[in-house]
């Protein structure tokens, strides 16, 4: 099929955007003390800044993001429900480190277990939840290691489900960003990771979120902190301002203060330096229909499936170009939503977004009986 000559037009588009920060983006990051970090935009997965993103490191309780992902996927699929009651095993009750003091034989809800993992990194809750989801901690580890590979987390190995400093229990800043992004695709996780103070055991036990960013950073939505001797002070954080959602990961921080300073700095870098744009279709450059050969209609209407937003550096709005590729003609029969072209938005050589141009109706092939039916219908209406 012949394509219409590609139209490369520098188009002055009117985009919808705004920013709530007053931080001045100077083109570079302030000093970041952490040895490894990544800043990623949620909707596109684009990395905005990084340092040693694939350096393999322990990450302490930040690795528990995977158990939160497994839990929320199980909830959303109906495999488990928040109200399900879990009987705590000897194995879970015997766990050391951060805990909510579960006792063997105690009955506790899935909702309380997820709260305990998300807010205070409770190891006993992790193990109880893993056993409930998969039947045993071993089966759960097999499942999350397989999930990690499926997500493209090639730097990650889970040796346990609590993120201990055990040798070989490792990940990378990039992989943490990947699983954090996947987690944030589930809106049902937001109440767990964004809550500052909550209660479990029917209000008997109060828990307070370890993520201080919730109280100190504008737009913070939470995710997960973690601290161990080998891992250092780590955090994966998600924040939103207007239409932009960013995920920042800090691994190997020297201390908690540095961790929160560094994560605030890279998030601010993103919000101050980039903007999400909502593209508009340049109607004067795109044909609203395509000619049809051998059809019951002489042409078929089309539309561009433009939706969502894309990311560009602030100040580059007028440098965005739009290219349209569209069919000159089609041969019937034609189905609705048949792709007949593309509309691309670019910044220099970078393709920011690409959308289909599709038909909006069916067109039947010309046949003798169909023509007779059309004539008869027209005659009856006279």
Protein backbone atom coordinates (compact mmCIF):
# COMPACT_ATOMS: atom_id res chain seq x y z
CA UNK A 1 0.00 0.00 0.00
CA UNK A 2 1.22 3.48 -0.81
CA UNK A 3 1.98 5.87 2.00
CA UNK A 4 1.44 9.56 1.72
CA UNK A 5 4.68 11.47 1.70
CA UNK A 6 5.77 11.94 5.33
CA UNK A 7 4.99 15.42 6.54
CA UNK A 8 7.68 16.80 8.83
CA UNK A 9 6.27 19.95 10.30
CA UNK A 10 7.60 21.99 13.16
CA UNK A 11 4.29 22.54 14.86
CA UNK A 12 3.57 25.07 17.54
CA UNK A 13 1.49 22.87 19.81
CA UNK A 14 -0.42 24.06 22.80
CA UNK A 15 0.22 21.65 25.65
CA UNK A 16 -1.32 21.45 29.07
CA UNK A 17 1.28 21.53 31.81
CA UNK A 18 2.26 23.20 35.05
CA UNK A 19 4.72 22.78 37.91
CA UNK A 20 4.31 23.40 41.61
CA UNK A 21 8.00 23.65 42.45
CA UNK A 22 10.05 26.82 42.62
CA UNK A 23 13.39 25.01 42.47
CA UNK A 24 15.54 26.38 39.66
CA UNK A 25 16.90 23.64 37.40
CA UNK A 26 20.45 24.48 36.54
CA UNK A 27 21.07 21.57 34.20
CA UNK A 28 22.85 19.41 36.76
CA UNK A 29 22.32 17.58 40.00
CA UNK A 30 23.50 18.85 43.36
CA UNK A 31 26.08 16.61 44.99
CA UNK A 32 24.69 13.13 45.68
CA UNK A 33 26.55 11.15 48.32
CA UNK A 34 25.04 7.74 47.61
CA UNK A 35 27.17 5.38 45.49
CA UNK A 36 24.20 4.21 43.40
CA UNK A 37 20.92 5.84 42.39
CA UNK A 38 18.28 6.02 39.66
CA UNK A 39 15.49 8.49 38.89
CA UNK A 40 12.75 7.13 36.62
CA UNK A 41 9.53 8.62 35.24
CA UNK A 42 6.66 6.28 36.02
CA UNK A 43 4.52 6.25 32.88
CA UNK A 44 7.34 5.92 30.33
CA UNK A 45 10.04 4.20 32.40
CA UNK A 46 12.51 6.79 31.15
CA UNK A 47 15.60 7.23 33.35
CA UNK A 48 16.25 10.92 34.03
CA UNK A 49 19.48 10.56 35.98
CA UNK A 50 21.55 7.71 37.34
CA UNK A 51 24.81 6.66 38.95
CA UNK A 52 26.02 3.07 38.87
CA UNK A 53 22.44 1.93 38.09
CA UNK A 54 23.39 -1.73 37.56
CA UNK A 55 25.90 -2.04 40.36
CA UNK A 56 24.92 -5.21 42.20
CA UNK A 57 24.35 -4.47 45.87
CA UNK A 58 22.35 -5.58 48.91
CA UNK A 59 19.36 -3.32 49.48
CA UNK A 60 17.96 -4.40 52.88
CA UNK A 61 14.19 -4.02 53.32
CA UNK A 62 13.84 -2.18 50.02
CA UNK A 63 13.81 -5.69 48.53
CA UNK A 64 10.46 -6.21 50.30
CA UNK A 65 8.90 -4.21 47.48
CA UNK A 66 8.63 -7.55 45.72
CA UNK A 67 6.53 -9.10 48.46
CA UNK A 68 4.27 -6.04 48.33
CA UNK A 69 3.98 -6.53 44.57
CA UNK A 70 3.16 -10.21 45.01
CA UNK A 71 0.57 -9.37 47.66
CA UNK A 72 -1.19 -6.67 45.65
CA UNK A 73 -1.22 -8.83 42.50
CA UNK A 74 -2.78 -11.62 44.55
CA UNK A 75 -5.39 -9.19 45.89
CA UNK A 76 -6.21 -7.74 42.50
CA UNK A 77 -6.54 -11.22 40.95
CA UNK A 78 -8.82 -12.44 43.75
CA UNK A 79 -6.38 -15.10 44.92
CA UNK A 80 -6.47 -13.57 48.41
CA UNK A 81 -8.50 -10.83 50.08
CA UNK A 82 -7.68 -8.23 52.72
CA UNK A 83 -10.06 -9.87 55.18
CA UNK A 84 -8.51 -13.33 54.95
CA UNK A 85 -7.17 -14.47 58.32
CA UNK A 86 -3.65 -15.92 58.42
CA UNK A 87 -2.46 -18.30 61.12
CA UNK A 88 1.11 -17.35 62.06
CA UNK A 89 3.60 -20.23 61.73
CA UNK A 90 6.48 -21.06 64.06
CA UNK A 91 8.80 -20.01 61.24
CA UNK A 92 7.26 -16.53 60.96
CA UNK A 93 7.08 -16.00 64.72
CA UNK A 94 10.75 -16.93 65.13
CA UNK A 95 12.04 -14.25 62.72
CA UNK A 96 14.51 -11.69 64.02
CA UNK A 97 15.00 -7.99 63.35
CA UNK A 98 12.16 -5.55 62.63
CA UNK A 99 8.90 -7.20 63.71
CA UNK A 100 5.36 -6.60 64.87
CA UNK A 101 5.79 -9.38 67.47
CA UNK A 102 3.62 -12.03 65.86
CA UNK A 103 3.09 -15.12 67.98
CA UNK A 104 2.92 -18.67 66.71
CA UNK A 105 -0.72 -19.63 66.19
CA UNK A 106 -1.91 -16.02 66.23
CA UNK A 107 -4.56 -15.14 63.67
CA UNK A 108 -4.02 -11.88 61.80
CA UNK A 109 -5.59 -10.41 58.66
CA UNK A 110 -3.90 -10.08 55.27
CA UNK A 111 -4.60 -6.35 55.48
CA UNK A 112 -2.66 -6.06 58.75
CA UNK A 113 0.23 -8.10 57.34
CA UNK A 114 0.53 -5.84 54.28
CA UNK A 115 0.40 -2.74 56.51
CA UNK A 116 3.17 -4.20 58.65
CA UNK A 117 5.41 -4.92 55.66
CA UNK A 118 4.75 -1.62 53.89
CA UNK A 119 5.06 0.66 56.90
CA UNK A 120 7.55 -0.91 59.32
CA UNK A 121 9.29 -3.63 57.28
CA UNK A 122 8.14 -6.33 59.70
CA UNK A 123 10.07 -9.54 58.98
CA UNK A 124 7.55 -11.75 60.77
CA UNK A 125 4.75 -10.26 58.67
CA UNK A 126 6.78 -10.83 55.49
CA UNK A 127 7.22 -14.50 56.19
CA UNK A 128 3.60 -15.01 57.25
CA UNK A 129 2.39 -13.27 54.09
CA UNK A 130 4.78 -15.21 51.85
CA UNK A 131 3.68 -18.52 53.34
CA UNK A 132 0.01 -17.60 52.93
CA UNK A 133 0.42 -16.57 49.27
CA UNK A 134 2.56 -19.51 48.11
CA UNK A 135 2.26 -22.19 50.78
CA UNK A 136 5.86 -21.92 51.95
CA UNK A 137 8.68 -19.39 52.03
CA UNK A 138 10.67 -21.54 49.60
CA UNK A 139 7.89 -21.62 47.01
CA UNK A 140 7.43 -17.89 47.44
CA UNK A 141 11.13 -17.26 46.75
CA UNK A 142 10.93 -19.32 43.58
CA UNK A 143 7.93 -17.28 42.49
CA UNK A 144 9.48 -13.85 43.10
CA UNK A 145 12.78 -14.79 41.46
CA UNK A 146 10.83 -15.87 38.39
CA UNK A 147 8.85 -12.63 38.54
CA UNK A 148 12.07 -10.62 38.74
CA UNK A 149 13.38 -12.24 35.56
CA UNK A 150 10.09 -11.64 33.79
CA UNK A 151 10.31 -7.93 34.66
CA UNK A 152 13.86 -7.74 33.30
CA UNK A 153 15.47 -7.40 36.74
CA UNK A 154 18.70 -9.08 35.66
CA UNK A 155 20.77 -7.84 38.61
CA UNK A 156 18.49 -9.30 41.29
CA UNK A 157 18.54 -12.52 43.31
CA UNK A 158 16.24 -13.12 46.28
CA UNK A 159 17.80 -15.48 48.84
CA UNK A 160 15.06 -14.69 51.38
CA UNK A 161 11.93 -12.56 51.47
CA UNK A 162 13.10 -10.06 54.12
CA UNK A 163 16.06 -8.46 52.33
CA UNK A 164 18.72 -9.62 54.77
CA UNK A 165 22.45 -8.99 54.27
CA UNK A 166 22.94 -12.66 53.40
CA UNK A 167 25.59 -13.09 50.70
CA UNK A 168 24.01 -13.26 47.27
CA UNK A 169 20.78 -11.51 48.30
CA UNK A 170 21.26 -8.61 45.88
CA UNK A 171 19.70 -6.17 43.47
CA UNK A 172 20.55 -2.85 41.78
CA UNK A 173 19.15 0.67 41.78
CA UNK A 174 17.74 0.09 38.30
CA UNK A 175 16.05 -3.16 39.28
CA UNK A 176 14.53 -1.56 42.37
CA UNK A 177 13.12 1.18 40.13
CA UNK A 178 11.66 -1.48 37.82
CA UNK A 179 9.84 -3.34 40.59
CA UNK A 180 8.76 -0.05 42.18
CA UNK A 181 7.28 1.07 38.88
CA UNK A 182 5.44 -2.24 38.56
CA UNK A 183 4.12 -1.88 42.10
CA UNK A 184 2.79 1.61 41.40
CA UNK A 185 0.72 0.24 38.52
CA UNK A 186 -1.60 -1.08 41.25
CA UNK A 187 -3.56 1.75 42.81
CA UNK A 188 -4.67 -0.58 45.61
CA UNK A 189 -1.18 -0.38 47.13
CA UNK A 190 -1.32 3.40 47.64
CA UNK A 191 -3.17 3.42 50.99
CA UNK A 192 -0.60 1.04 52.44
CA UNK A 193 2.56 2.86 51.36
CA UNK A 194 1.31 6.42 51.84
CA UNK A 195 -0.11 6.11 55.38
CA UNK A 196 1.92 7.66 58.20
CA UNK A 197 0.25 6.11 61.26
CA UNK A 198 -1.99 3.03 61.33
CA UNK A 199 -3.16 0.30 63.67
CA UNK A 200 -3.25 -3.49 63.46
CA UNK A 201 -4.80 -6.22 65.63
CA UNK A 202 -8.14 -4.36 65.81
CA UNK A 203 -6.46 -1.18 66.97
CA UNK A 204 -4.34 -2.78 69.67
CA UNK A 205 -0.98 -2.13 68.00
CA UNK A 206 0.07 1.21 66.49
CA UNK A 207 2.63 1.33 63.68
CA UNK A 208 4.41 4.38 62.24
CA UNK A 209 5.83 4.50 58.73
CA UNK A 210 9.63 4.50 58.50
CA UNK A 211 9.50 6.68 55.38
CA UNK A 212 9.98 10.22 56.71
CA UNK A 213 9.67 11.56 53.18
CA UNK A 214 5.89 11.32 53.61
CA UNK A 215 6.10 14.16 56.13
CA UNK A 216 8.83 16.24 54.54
CA UNK A 217 8.55 16.13 50.74
CA UNK A 218 5.76 17.66 48.67
CA UNK A 219 3.89 15.03 46.69
CA UNK A 220 5.53 12.02 48.37
CA UNK A 221 3.47 8.85 47.94
CA UNK A 222 5.80 6.49 49.82
CA UNK A 223 7.23 3.11 48.88
CA UNK A 224 10.00 1.56 51.00
CA UNK A 225 13.04 2.23 53.16
CA UNK A 226 15.71 -0.25 54.24
CA UNK A 227 18.83 -0.27 56.38
CA UNK A 228 21.42 -2.99 57.04
CA UNK A 229 25.16 -3.04 57.74
CA UNK A 230 26.22 -4.13 54.25
CA UNK A 231 23.38 -2.44 52.39
CA UNK A 232 23.67 0.91 54.13
CA UNK A 233 20.70 3.28 54.16
CA UNK A 234 18.45 2.68 51.15
CA UNK A 235 15.15 3.98 49.86
CA UNK A 236 12.81 3.70 46.91
CA UNK A 237 10.43 6.65 46.83
CA UNK A 238 7.55 7.70 44.63
CA UNK A 239 6.26 11.26 44.38
CA UNK A 240 3.70 13.03 42.23
CA UNK A 241 3.26 16.64 41.21
CA UNK A 242 0.53 17.48 38.73
CA UNK A 243 0.66 14.82 36.00
CA UNK A 244 4.22 13.69 36.66
CA UNK A 245 5.01 10.67 38.82
CA UNK A 246 8.67 10.00 39.60
CA UNK A 247 10.39 7.03 41.20
CA UNK A 248 13.72 7.62 42.89
CA UNK A 249 16.05 4.94 44.28
CA UNK A 250 19.02 5.47 46.60
CA UNK A 251 21.21 2.50 47.53
CA UNK A 252 24.17 2.46 49.91
CA UNK A 253 23.57 5.73 51.72
CA UNK A 254 25.96 6.45 54.59
CA UNK A 255 23.14 7.16 57.02
CA UNK A 256 19.44 7.94 57.19
CA UNK A 257 19.95 11.71 56.90
CA UNK A 258 22.02 11.36 53.72
CA UNK A 259 19.48 8.92 52.29
CA UNK A 260 16.59 11.36 52.66
CA UNK A 261 18.65 14.33 51.48
CA UNK A 262 19.80 12.44 48.38
CA UNK A 263 16.36 11.16 47.45
CA UNK A 264 14.87 14.63 47.87
CA UNK A 265 17.59 16.06 45.62
CA UNK A 266 17.08 13.66 42.74
CA UNK A 267 13.29 13.95 42.91
CA UNK A 268 13.58 17.73 42.87
CA UNK A 269 15.91 17.49 39.89
CA UNK A 270 13.20 15.65 38.00
CA UNK A 271 10.29 17.89 38.94
CA UNK A 272 12.23 21.09 38.28
CA UNK A 273 13.75 20.00 34.99
CA UNK A 274 11.01 18.07 33.18
CA UNK A 275 7.37 18.43 32.27
CA UNK A 276 4.61 16.10 31.11
CA UNK A 277 2.92 17.34 27.94
CA UNK A 278 -0.52 16.48 26.57
CA UNK A 279 -0.24 16.49 22.77
CA UNK A 280 -2.90 17.93 20.51
CA UNK A 281 -3.49 16.65 16.99
CA UNK A 282 -2.62 19.28 14.34
CA UNK A 283 -5.98 18.99 12.59
CA UNK A 284 -4.91 21.12 9.60
CA UNK A 285 -2.11 18.63 8.82
CA UNK A 286 -4.11 15.39 9.09
CA UNK A 287 -6.74 14.19 6.62
CA UNK A 288 -9.99 13.34 8.37
CA UNK A 289 -10.85 10.61 5.85
CA UNK A 290 -9.23 8.17 3.42
CA UNK A 291 -10.54 7.29 -0.05
CA UNK A 292 -12.01 3.81 -0.48
CA UNK A 293 -11.85 1.72 -3.66
CA UNK A 294 -14.63 -0.76 -4.48
CA UNK A 295 -16.57 0.20 -1.34
CA UNK A 296 -20.15 1.01 -0.47
CA UNK A 297 -18.80 4.36 0.73
CA UNK A 298 -16.41 6.56 -1.27
CA UNK A 299 -14.28 7.29 1.79
CA UNK A 300 -13.84 6.23 5.39
CA UNK A 301 -13.48 8.55 8.37
CA UNK A 302 -10.34 8.31 10.49
CA UNK A 303 -9.04 9.61 13.82
CA UNK A 304 -5.73 9.77 15.66
CA UNK A 305 -5.63 7.71 18.86
CA UNK A 306 -3.73 10.37 20.77
CA UNK A 307 -3.92 10.05 24.54
CA UNK A 308 -1.89 10.48 27.69
CA UNK A 309 1.23 12.56 28.06
CA UNK A 310 4.92 12.37 27.29
CA UNK A 311 7.99 13.73 28.99
CA UNK A 312 10.36 16.47 27.81
CA UNK A 313 12.84 18.84 29.44
CA UNK A 314 11.30 22.13 30.51
CA UNK A 315 11.86 24.90 27.99
CA UNK A 316 11.78 22.52 25.01
CA UNK A 317 8.03 22.73 24.42
CA UNK A 318 8.38 24.74 21.20
CA UNK A 319 11.01 22.35 19.85
CA UNK A 320 8.59 19.42 19.63
CA UNK A 321 7.83 18.39 16.05
CA UNK A 322 4.95 16.37 14.68
CA UNK A 323 5.17 13.94 11.76
CA UNK A 324 2.13 12.37 10.09
CA UNK A 325 2.20 9.24 7.94
CA UNK A 326 -1.17 8.38 6.38
CA UNK A 327 -2.54 6.03 3.70
CA UNK A 328 -3.71 7.62 0.45
CA UNK A 329 -6.36 4.99 -0.23
CA UNK A 330 -7.83 1.69 0.95
CA UNK A 331 -9.67 -1.17 -0.71
CA UNK A 332 -12.94 -2.45 0.75
CA UNK A 333 -13.94 -4.30 2.83
CA UNK A 334 -12.60 -2.23 5.73
CA UNK A 335 -13.17 -2.83 9.44
CA UNK A 336 -13.50 -0.16 12.08
CA UNK A 337 -10.23 0.60 13.94
CA UNK A 338 -8.05 -0.50 11.03
CA UNK A 339 -4.68 1.22 11.31
CA UNK A 340 -4.14 3.57 8.35
CA UNK A 341 -1.21 5.64 9.56
CA UNK A 342 0.92 6.99 12.38
CA UNK A 343 1.37 10.30 14.13
CA UNK A 344 4.75 10.83 15.80
CA UNK A 345 5.92 13.51 18.22
CA UNK A 346 9.68 14.07 18.29
CA UNK A 347 12.29 16.16 20.02
CA UNK A 348 15.26 16.21 17.70
CA UNK A 349 15.89 12.59 16.73
CA UNK A 350 14.13 11.22 19.82
CA UNK A 351 10.63 9.83 19.33
CA UNK A 352 8.62 11.03 22.31
CA UNK A 353 5.38 9.26 21.46
CA UNK A 354 3.79 7.44 18.55
CA UNK A 355 0.06 6.91 18.00
CA UNK A 356 -2.05 5.04 15.46
CA UNK A 357 -4.44 6.70 13.02
CA UNK A 358 -7.44 4.36 12.66
CA UNK A 359 -10.72 4.09 10.80
CA UNK A 360 -13.88 4.89 12.74
CA UNK A 361 -16.39 2.84 10.73
CA UNK A 362 -16.88 -0.31 8.65
CA UNK A 363 -17.04 -0.12 4.86
CA UNK A 364 -18.48 -3.07 2.95
CA UNK A 365 -17.25 -4.18 -0.46
CA UNK A 366 -19.48 -3.29 -3.38
CA UNK A 367 -21.65 -6.29 -4.31
CA UNK A 368 -24.73 -6.51 -6.51
CA UNK A 369 -27.09 -7.62 -3.72
CA UNK A 370 -25.86 -4.93 -1.36
CA UNK A 371 -26.49 -2.29 -4.01
CA UNK A 372 -30.03 -3.62 -4.49
CA UNK A 373 -30.62 -3.50 -0.73
CA UNK A 374 -29.42 0.10 -0.59
CA UNK A 375 -31.69 1.06 -3.51
CA UNK A 376 -34.69 -0.69 -1.93
CA UNK A 377 -34.09 0.98 1.45
CA UNK A 378 -33.82 4.36 -0.24
CA UNK A 379 -37.02 3.72 -2.26
CA UNK A 380 -39.02 2.74 0.87
CA UNK A 381 -37.95 5.92 2.68
CA UNK A 382 -39.17 8.15 -0.20
